[in-house]
């Protein structure tokens, strides 16, 4: 599974480059929103990334889970904090979110 995660990040970078060339206005608009929201404010970046990982698990978005696991770690979250945030998603979203916890664990292991 670790290779799958590493391959995901490599492909995502390649796909992102294609999107920047082919839909620059979309990338610019979303990038501006992302930059303005995902910075320290009343909540720290780490807190916002933990919220994002919980939402990603709750809505069962595997690419979002992988990307926000990485961003959580980069923002200083621990593996335990990430897993607790994912567990909150399970409490709120039930079984479908529960089935996505292995994506979180696999991603964290691949990024160690």
C-alpha atoms as a PDB file:
ATOM      1  CA  UNK A   1       0.000   0.000   0.000  1.00  0.00           C
ATOM      2  CA  UNK A   2       2.905   2.360   0.684  1.00  0.00           C
ATOM      3  CA  UNK A   3       3.844   2.389  -2.999  1.00  0.00           C
ATOM      4  CA  UNK A   4       0.230   3.194  -3.895  1.00  0.00           C
ATOM      5  CA  UNK A   5       0.364   6.255  -1.637  1.00  0.00           C
ATOM      6  CA  UNK A   6       3.701   7.406  -3.037  1.00  0.00           C
ATOM      7  CA  UNK A   7       2.378   6.866  -6.572  1.00  0.00           C
ATOM      8  CA  UNK A   8      -0.705   8.901  -5.690  1.00  0.00           C
ATOM      9  CA  UNK A   9       1.389  11.913  -4.669  1.00  0.00           C
ATOM     10  CA  UNK A  10       3.557  11.656  -7.792  1.00  0.00           C
ATOM     11  CA  UNK A  11       0.497  11.433 -10.042  1.00  0.00           C
ATOM     12  CA  UNK A  12      -1.219  14.258  -8.169  1.00  0.00           C
ATOM     13  CA  UNK A  13       1.745  16.563  -8.836  1.00  0.00           C
ATOM     14  CA  UNK A  14       1.637  15.650 -12.518  1.00  0.00           C
ATOM     15  CA  UNK A  15      -2.139  16.119 -12.680  1.00  0.00           C
ATOM     16  CA  UNK A  16      -1.876  19.452 -10.865  1.00  0.00           C
ATOM     17  CA  UNK A  17       0.643  20.690 -13.439  1.00  0.00           C
ATOM     18  CA  UNK A  18      -1.744  19.702 -16.243  1.00  0.00           C
ATOM     19  CA  UNK A  19      -4.628  21.460 -14.530  1.00  0.00           C
ATOM     20  CA  UNK A  20      -2.560  24.637 -14.100  1.00  0.00           C
ATOM     21  CA  UNK A  21      -1.968  24.678 -17.852  1.00  0.00           C
ATOM     22  CA  UNK A  22      -5.467  23.679 -18.950  1.00  0.00           C
ATOM     23  CA  UNK A  23      -7.722  25.395 -16.389  1.00  0.00           C
ATOM     24  CA  UNK A  24      -5.625  28.226 -14.940  1.00  0.00           C
ATOM     25  CA  UNK A  25      -8.627  30.297 -13.817  1.00  0.00           C
ATOM     26  CA  UNK A  26     -10.021  27.390 -11.803  1.00  0.00           C
ATOM     27  CA  UNK A  27      -6.645  26.735 -10.200  1.00  0.00           C
ATOM     28  CA  UNK A  28      -6.189  30.421  -9.433  1.00  0.00           C
ATOM     29  CA  UNK A  29      -9.657  30.764  -7.934  1.00  0.00           C
ATOM     30  CA  UNK A  30      -9.466  27.633  -5.817  1.00  0.00           C
ATOM     31  CA  UNK A  31      -5.861  28.369  -4.861  1.00  0.00           C
ATOM     32  CA  UNK A  32      -6.850  31.831  -3.635  1.00  0.00           C
ATOM     33  CA  UNK A  33      -9.696  30.413  -1.565  1.00  0.00           C
ATOM     34  CA  UNK A  34      -7.430  27.715  -0.144  1.00  0.00           C
ATOM     35  CA  UNK A  35      -4.679  30.206   0.729  1.00  0.00           C
ATOM     36  CA  UNK A  36      -7.054  32.647   2.360  1.00  0.00           C
ATOM     37  CA  UNK A  37      -8.821  30.018   4.458  1.00  0.00           C
ATOM     38  CA  UNK A  38      -5.944  27.681   5.339  1.00  0.00           C
ATOM     39  CA  UNK A  39      -3.737  30.055   7.283  1.00  0.00           C
ATOM     40  CA  UNK A  40      -3.420  30.892  10.943  1.00  0.00           C
ATOM     41  CA  UNK A  41      -6.331  32.923  12.217  1.00  0.00           C
ATOM     42  CA  UNK A  42      -8.726  32.298  15.099  1.00  0.00           C
ATOM     43  CA  UNK A  43      -7.805  28.657  14.443  1.00  0.00           C
ATOM     44  CA  UNK A  44      -4.238  27.602  13.774  1.00  0.00           C
ATOM     45  CA  UNK A  45      -3.295  25.983  10.476  1.00  0.00           C
ATOM     46  CA  UNK A  46      -2.837  22.718  12.365  1.00  0.00           C
ATOM     47  CA  UNK A  47      -6.373  22.925  13.767  1.00  0.00           C
ATOM     48  CA  UNK A  48      -7.767  23.712  10.319  1.00  0.00           C
ATOM     49  CA  UNK A  49      -5.933  20.757   8.780  1.00  0.00           C
ATOM     50  CA  UNK A  50      -7.268  18.455  11.506  1.00  0.00           C
ATOM     51  CA  UNK A  51     -10.775  19.701  10.690  1.00  0.00           C
ATOM     52  CA  UNK A  52     -10.068  19.097   7.007  1.00  0.00           C
ATOM     53  CA  UNK A  53      -8.952  15.513   7.608  1.00  0.00           C
ATOM     54  CA  UNK A  54     -12.081  14.852   9.663  1.00  0.00           C
ATOM     55  CA  UNK A  55     -14.264  16.241   6.876  1.00  0.00           C
ATOM     56  CA  UNK A  56     -12.347  14.259   4.252  1.00  0.00           C
ATOM     57  CA  UNK A  57     -12.990  11.043   6.175  1.00  0.00           C
ATOM     58  CA  UNK A  58     -16.638  11.957   6.786  1.00  0.00           C
ATOM     59  CA  UNK A  59     -17.304  12.602   3.090  1.00  0.00           C
ATOM     60  CA  UNK A  60     -15.173   9.597   2.095  1.00  0.00           C
ATOM     61  CA  UNK A  61     -12.868  11.471  -0.290  1.00  0.00           C
ATOM     62  CA  UNK A  62      -9.724   9.338  -0.611  1.00  0.00           C
ATOM     63  CA  UNK A  63      -7.633  11.958  -2.452  1.00  0.00           C
ATOM     64  CA  UNK A  64      -8.610  14.537   0.187  1.00  0.00           C
ATOM     65  CA  UNK A  65      -7.693  12.113   2.977  1.00  0.00           C
ATOM     66  CA  UNK A  66      -4.245  11.547   1.507  1.00  0.00           C
ATOM     67  CA  UNK A  67      -3.582  15.214   0.794  1.00  0.00           C
ATOM     68  CA  UNK A  68      -4.770  16.442   4.187  1.00  0.00           C
ATOM     69  CA  UNK A  69      -2.896  13.709   6.084  1.00  0.00           C
ATOM     70  CA  UNK A  70       0.262  15.092   4.503  1.00  0.00           C
ATOM     71  CA  UNK A  71      -0.760  18.687   5.219  1.00  0.00           C
ATOM     72  CA  UNK A  72      -1.625  17.785   8.841  1.00  0.00           C
ATOM     73  CA  UNK A  73       1.861  16.382   9.354  1.00  0.00           C
ATOM     74  CA  UNK A  74       3.432  19.420   7.683  1.00  0.00           C
ATOM     75  CA  UNK A  75       1.401  21.680  10.003  1.00  0.00           C
ATOM     76  CA  UNK A  76       2.793  19.861  13.043  1.00  0.00           C
ATOM     77  CA  UNK A  77      -0.032  17.455  13.877  1.00  0.00           C
ATOM     78  CA  UNK A  78       0.927  14.123  15.363  1.00  0.00           C
ATOM     79  CA  UNK A  79      -0.230  10.763  14.077  1.00  0.00           C
ATOM     80  CA  UNK A  80      -2.348  10.445  17.208  1.00  0.00           C
ATOM     81  CA  UNK A  81      -4.042  13.817  16.627  1.00  0.00           C
ATOM     82  CA  UNK A  82      -4.801  12.895  13.024  1.00  0.00           C
ATOM     83  CA  UNK A  83      -6.291   9.555  14.043  1.00  0.00           C
ATOM     84  CA  UNK A  84      -8.408  11.247  16.737  1.00  0.00           C
ATOM     85  CA  UNK A  85      -9.719  13.759  14.197  1.00  0.00           C
ATOM     86  CA  UNK A  86     -10.548  10.861  11.865  1.00  0.00           C
ATOM     87  CA  UNK A  87     -12.285   9.123  14.769  1.00  0.00           C
ATOM     88  CA  UNK A  88     -14.483  12.185  15.305  1.00  0.00           C
ATOM     89  CA  UNK A  89     -15.531  11.810  11.673  1.00  0.00           C
ATOM     90  CA  UNK A  90     -16.515   8.207  12.335  1.00  0.00           C
ATOM     91  CA  UNK A  91     -18.599   9.288  15.319  1.00  0.00           C
ATOM     92  CA  UNK A  92     -20.401  11.837  13.130  1.00  0.00           C
ATOM     93  CA  UNK A  93     -20.638   9.915   9.840  1.00  0.00           C
ATOM     94  CA  UNK A  94     -20.756   6.274  10.945  1.00  0.00           C
ATOM     95  CA  UNK A  95     -19.774   3.163   9.036  1.00  0.00           C
ATOM     96  CA  UNK A  96     -18.889   4.701   5.663  1.00  0.00           C
ATOM     97  CA  UNK A  97     -16.366   6.992   7.391  1.00  0.00           C
ATOM     98  CA  UNK A  98     -15.120   4.055   9.485  1.00  0.00           C
ATOM     99  CA  UNK A  99     -14.233   2.144   6.314  1.00  0.00           C
ATOM    100  CA  UNK A 100     -11.912   5.011   5.300  1.00  0.00           C
ATOM    101  CA  UNK A 101      -9.751   4.949   8.443  1.00  0.00           C
ATOM    102  CA  UNK A 102      -7.379   2.453   6.758  1.00  0.00           C
ATOM    103  CA  UNK A 103      -6.691   5.115   4.100  1.00  0.00           C
ATOM    104  CA  UNK A 104      -5.603   7.455   6.890  1.00  0.00           C
ATOM    105  CA  UNK A 105      -3.415   4.790   8.516  1.00  0.00           C
ATOM    106  CA  UNK A 106      -1.853   3.696   5.202  1.00  0.00           C
ATOM    107  CA  UNK A 107      -1.103   7.304   4.264  1.00  0.00           C
ATOM    108  CA  UNK A 108       0.477   8.067   7.627  1.00  0.00           C
ATOM    109  CA  UNK A 109       2.610   4.928   7.405  1.00  0.00           C
ATOM    110  CA  UNK A 110       3.698   5.797   3.871  1.00  0.00           C
ATOM    111  CA  UNK A 111       4.681   9.307   4.935  1.00  0.00           C
ATOM    112  CA  UNK A 112       6.750   8.187   7.957  1.00  0.00           C
END
